[in-house]
Amino acid sequence: MYRLKVNGIFIEFRQTLVTKQFKHMKQNYSLWIAGIFISLGFLFSISCNKSDDSGCNFTKTAKTVKLNSATVNISAVQLAVNNTFEGDEYTMVISVVGDDCNKMSILSLSTVVVTGGKLNRAFPIKSFADSGLNSTYGSLLSQSVNPVSQVSTDLASGTALFEDKGNKLYAIKIDGTVTDGTLFAFSGDVQF
């Protein structure tokens, strides 16, 4: 019998085939954290109603970045740094809105550096399954209001460059491809 403590609650379970497999799996909670951040970012951004002066379907700020060569406004950003078995994992979620206020794109990035290390250099982009220490994995979710559509894709390859400018301000430049082979680019300063 095993005893597991999660958030102060003890869970007891007997060793079975399932628990034997679980014991040997890579425990990476960052995907769950990224999913929570994406959900919260989306819910936060759609809280803006259409009756405001701008007529925008999403909340947006005056700060702009480049997404696939288009200038877009930042809607919301979130940064979490978690200690994992491999090192410190920086999880960034960046929501952006285009000029027409009809489409929101949410970029989620996770990069693992050595424990105590800084996110301040270039990292290769890898798939979630192949990622680990000193690499980045991520996804892009795009949501349109009219017509209603939602598309999600993972970053497949390329390079993610992070420059730590202090006070949670990062210059981010990404050049790569997504899983269908389409080119992907992102650049700009993001204040978390």
Protein backbone atom coordinates (compact mmCIF):
# COMPACT_ATOMS: atom_id res chain seq x y z
CA MET A 1 0.00 0.00 0.00
CA TYR A 2 1.25 3.48 -0.86
CA ARG A 3 0.44 6.77 0.79
CA LEU A 4 0.60 9.99 -1.24
CA LYS A 5 0.27 13.49 0.20
CA VAL A 6 -1.29 16.05 -2.18
CA ASN A 7 -1.99 19.57 -0.87
CA GLY A 8 -2.07 18.30 2.71
CA ILE A 9 -4.47 15.43 1.90
CA PHE A 10 -3.28 11.84 2.17
CA ILE A 11 -4.38 9.42 -0.54
CA GLU A 12 -3.83 5.71 0.00
CA PHE A 13 -3.79 3.16 -2.80
CA ARG A 14 -2.71 -0.42 -3.33
CA GLN A 15 -0.02 -1.36 -5.81
CA THR A 16 -1.63 -2.56 -9.01
CA LEU A 17 -0.53 -2.66 -12.62
CA VAL A 18 -1.80 0.91 -13.04
CA THR A 19 0.12 2.23 -10.03
CA LYS A 20 3.27 0.40 -11.15
CA GLN A 21 3.05 2.19 -14.51
CA PHE A 22 2.30 5.52 -12.80
CA LYS A 23 5.36 5.13 -10.62
CA HIS A 24 7.60 4.98 -13.68
CA MET A 25 5.98 7.80 -15.65
CA LYS A 26 7.67 11.16 -15.96
CA GLN A 27 5.78 13.43 -13.55
CA ASN A 28 5.40 16.71 -15.38
CA TYR A 29 2.62 18.92 -14.10
CA SER A 30 3.48 21.85 -16.36
CA LEU A 31 1.03 20.75 -19.03
CA TRP A 32 -1.78 20.97 -16.47
CA ILE A 33 -0.54 24.36 -15.32
CA ALA A 34 -0.38 25.63 -18.90
CA GLY A 35 -3.92 24.36 -19.51
CA ILE A 36 -5.16 26.17 -16.43
CA PHE A 37 -3.41 29.38 -17.50
CA ILE A 38 -4.85 29.12 -21.01
CA SER A 39 -8.34 28.58 -19.63
CA LEU A 40 -8.02 31.45 -17.17
CA GLY A 41 -6.57 33.72 -19.85
CA PHE A 42 -9.41 32.92 -22.21
CA LEU A 43 -12.08 33.42 -19.55
CA PHE A 44 -10.45 36.67 -18.44
CA SER A 45 -10.26 37.97 -21.99
CA ILE A 46 -13.86 37.23 -22.97
CA SER A 47 -15.17 39.03 -19.90
CA CYS A 48 -15.09 42.23 -21.97
CA ASN A 49 -18.56 42.87 -23.34
CA LYS A 50 -19.23 44.10 -26.85
CA SER A 51 -20.99 47.25 -25.66
CA ASP A 52 -17.78 49.05 -24.73
CA ASP A 53 -16.57 52.04 -26.77
CA SER A 54 -14.05 50.07 -28.83
CA GLY A 55 -16.52 47.38 -29.93
CA CYS A 56 -13.85 44.80 -29.18
CA ASN A 57 -14.83 41.21 -28.40
CA PHE A 58 -11.71 40.78 -26.23
CA THR A 59 -9.79 42.76 -23.65
CA LYS A 60 -6.63 44.28 -25.11
CA THR A 61 -3.86 46.60 -23.99
CA ALA A 62 -1.91 49.23 -25.89
CA LYS A 63 1.25 47.05 -25.78
CA THR A 64 1.97 45.36 -29.12
CA VAL A 65 4.06 42.39 -30.29
CA LYS A 66 4.49 40.62 -33.64
CA LEU A 67 2.76 37.30 -34.35
CA ASN A 68 3.53 35.85 -37.80
CA SER A 69 4.54 39.34 -39.04
CA ALA A 70 1.23 40.93 -37.94
CA THR A 71 1.22 43.54 -35.19
CA VAL A 72 -1.15 42.42 -32.42
CA ASN A 73 -2.12 43.81 -29.01
CA ILE A 74 -1.37 41.93 -25.81
CA SER A 75 -4.54 40.94 -23.96
CA ALA A 76 -3.22 39.08 -20.91
CA VAL A 77 0.03 37.46 -19.80
CA GLN A 78 0.94 34.98 -17.08
CA LEU A 79 4.25 33.60 -15.85
CA ALA A 80 4.80 30.67 -13.47
CA VAL A 81 8.14 29.28 -12.36
CA ASN A 82 7.98 25.77 -10.91
CA ASN A 83 10.67 23.47 -9.63
CA THR A 84 10.56 20.11 -11.44
CA PHE A 85 12.74 17.01 -11.30
CA GLU A 86 14.87 18.41 -14.13
CA GLY A 87 15.19 22.02 -12.97
CA ASP A 88 13.18 25.25 -12.93
CA GLU A 89 10.36 25.35 -15.47
CA TYR A 90 9.28 28.75 -16.77
CA THR A 91 5.72 28.58 -18.12
CA MET A 92 4.56 31.65 -20.05
CA VAL A 93 1.09 32.26 -21.44
CA ILE A 94 0.65 35.25 -23.76
CA SER A 95 -2.78 36.19 -25.14
CA VAL A 96 -2.89 38.57 -28.11
CA VAL A 97 -5.69 40.20 -30.10
CA GLY A 98 -5.61 41.48 -33.69
CA ASP A 99 -6.75 44.92 -34.86
CA ASP A 100 -10.19 43.65 -35.91
CA CYS A 101 -10.87 42.36 -32.35
CA ASN A 102 -12.38 39.20 -33.82
CA LYS A 103 -9.57 36.75 -33.09
CA MET A 104 -7.53 35.94 -30.01
CA SER A 105 -4.39 33.83 -30.09
CA ILE A 106 -2.92 32.29 -26.94
CA LEU A 107 0.74 31.28 -27.01
CA SER A 108 1.85 28.90 -24.27
CA LEU A 109 5.57 28.25 -23.75
CA SER A 110 7.41 26.07 -21.24
CA THR A 111 11.18 26.06 -20.85
CA VAL A 112 13.21 24.10 -18.29
CA VAL A 113 16.54 25.52 -17.08
CA VAL A 114 18.91 24.25 -14.39
CA THR A 115 17.66 24.88 -10.87
CA GLY A 116 18.38 28.51 -9.98
CA GLY A 117 19.15 29.33 -13.63
CA LYS A 118 17.82 32.28 -15.59
CA LEU A 119 15.71 32.27 -18.73
CA ASN A 120 18.20 34.34 -20.69
CA ARG A 121 19.37 32.67 -23.91
CA ALA A 122 18.24 30.69 -26.97
CA PHE A 123 16.62 27.27 -26.56
CA PRO A 124 15.70 24.68 -29.20
CA ILE A 125 11.95 24.09 -29.65
CA LYS A 126 11.00 20.45 -29.25
CA SER A 127 7.78 18.47 -28.94
CA PHE A 128 6.38 17.93 -25.45
CA ALA A 129 7.51 14.29 -25.52
CA ASP A 130 11.08 15.21 -26.52
CA SER A 131 11.44 18.30 -24.33
CA GLY A 132 13.46 18.43 -21.16
CA LEU A 133 16.29 20.41 -19.66
CA ASN A 134 17.39 23.38 -21.81
CA SER A 135 14.58 23.11 -24.35
CA THR A 136 11.23 24.78 -25.03
CA TYR A 137 7.87 23.30 -25.96
CA GLY A 138 4.66 25.14 -26.61
CA SER A 139 1.35 25.51 -28.35
CA LEU A 140 -0.77 28.14 -30.07
CA LEU A 141 -4.54 28.33 -29.64
CA SER A 142 -6.52 30.67 -31.89
CA GLN A 143 -10.15 31.56 -31.18
CA SER A 144 -12.37 33.57 -33.57
CA VAL A 145 -15.73 35.10 -32.67
CA ASN A 146 -17.34 35.49 -36.10
CA PRO A 147 -17.47 32.95 -37.59
CA VAL A 148 -16.90 30.92 -34.44
CA SER A 149 -13.80 28.74 -34.73
CA GLN A 150 -11.01 27.38 -32.60
CA VAL A 151 -7.70 25.91 -33.76
CA SER A 152 -4.89 24.56 -31.60
CA THR A 153 -1.47 23.46 -32.77
CA ASP A 154 1.85 22.62 -31.14
CA LEU A 155 5.21 24.18 -31.88
CA ALA A 156 7.29 21.50 -33.59
CA SER A 157 10.78 22.90 -34.15
CA GLY A 158 12.82 26.07 -34.24
CA THR A 159 14.43 28.38 -31.71
CA ALA A 160 13.06 30.40 -28.80
CA LEU A 161 15.24 33.28 -27.65
CA PHE A 162 14.56 34.86 -24.26
CA GLU A 163 16.30 37.98 -22.92
CA ASP A 164 15.66 38.72 -19.24
CA LYS A 165 15.53 42.52 -18.96
CA GLY A 166 14.70 42.45 -15.24
CA ASN A 167 11.47 42.98 -13.27
CA LYS A 168 9.78 40.11 -15.17
CA LEU A 169 10.25 41.88 -18.52
CA TYR A 170 11.36 39.50 -21.28
CA ALA A 171 12.29 40.13 -24.89
CA ILE A 172 11.02 37.02 -26.71
CA LYS A 173 11.82 36.00 -30.28
CA ILE A 174 10.58 32.72 -31.70
CA ASP A 175 11.22 31.37 -35.20
CA GLY A 176 10.06 27.89 -36.04
CA THR A 177 7.34 25.65 -37.40
CA VAL A 178 4.13 24.20 -36.02
CA THR A 179 3.12 20.55 -36.33
CA ASP A 180 1.57 20.95 -39.82
CA GLY A 181 4.85 22.43 -41.13
CA THR A 182 3.60 26.04 -41.27
CA LEU A 183 6.17 28.69 -40.35
CA PHE A 184 5.64 30.42 -37.01
CA ALA A 185 7.16 33.65 -35.66
CA PHE A 186 6.68 35.74 -32.53
CA SER A 187 8.68 38.71 -31.28
CA GLY A 188 8.36 41.49 -28.75
CA ASP A 189 8.88 42.62 -25.19
CA VAL A 190 6.45 41.07 -22.72
CA GLN A 191 5.98 42.35 -19.15
CA PHE A 192 4.73 39.64 -16.79
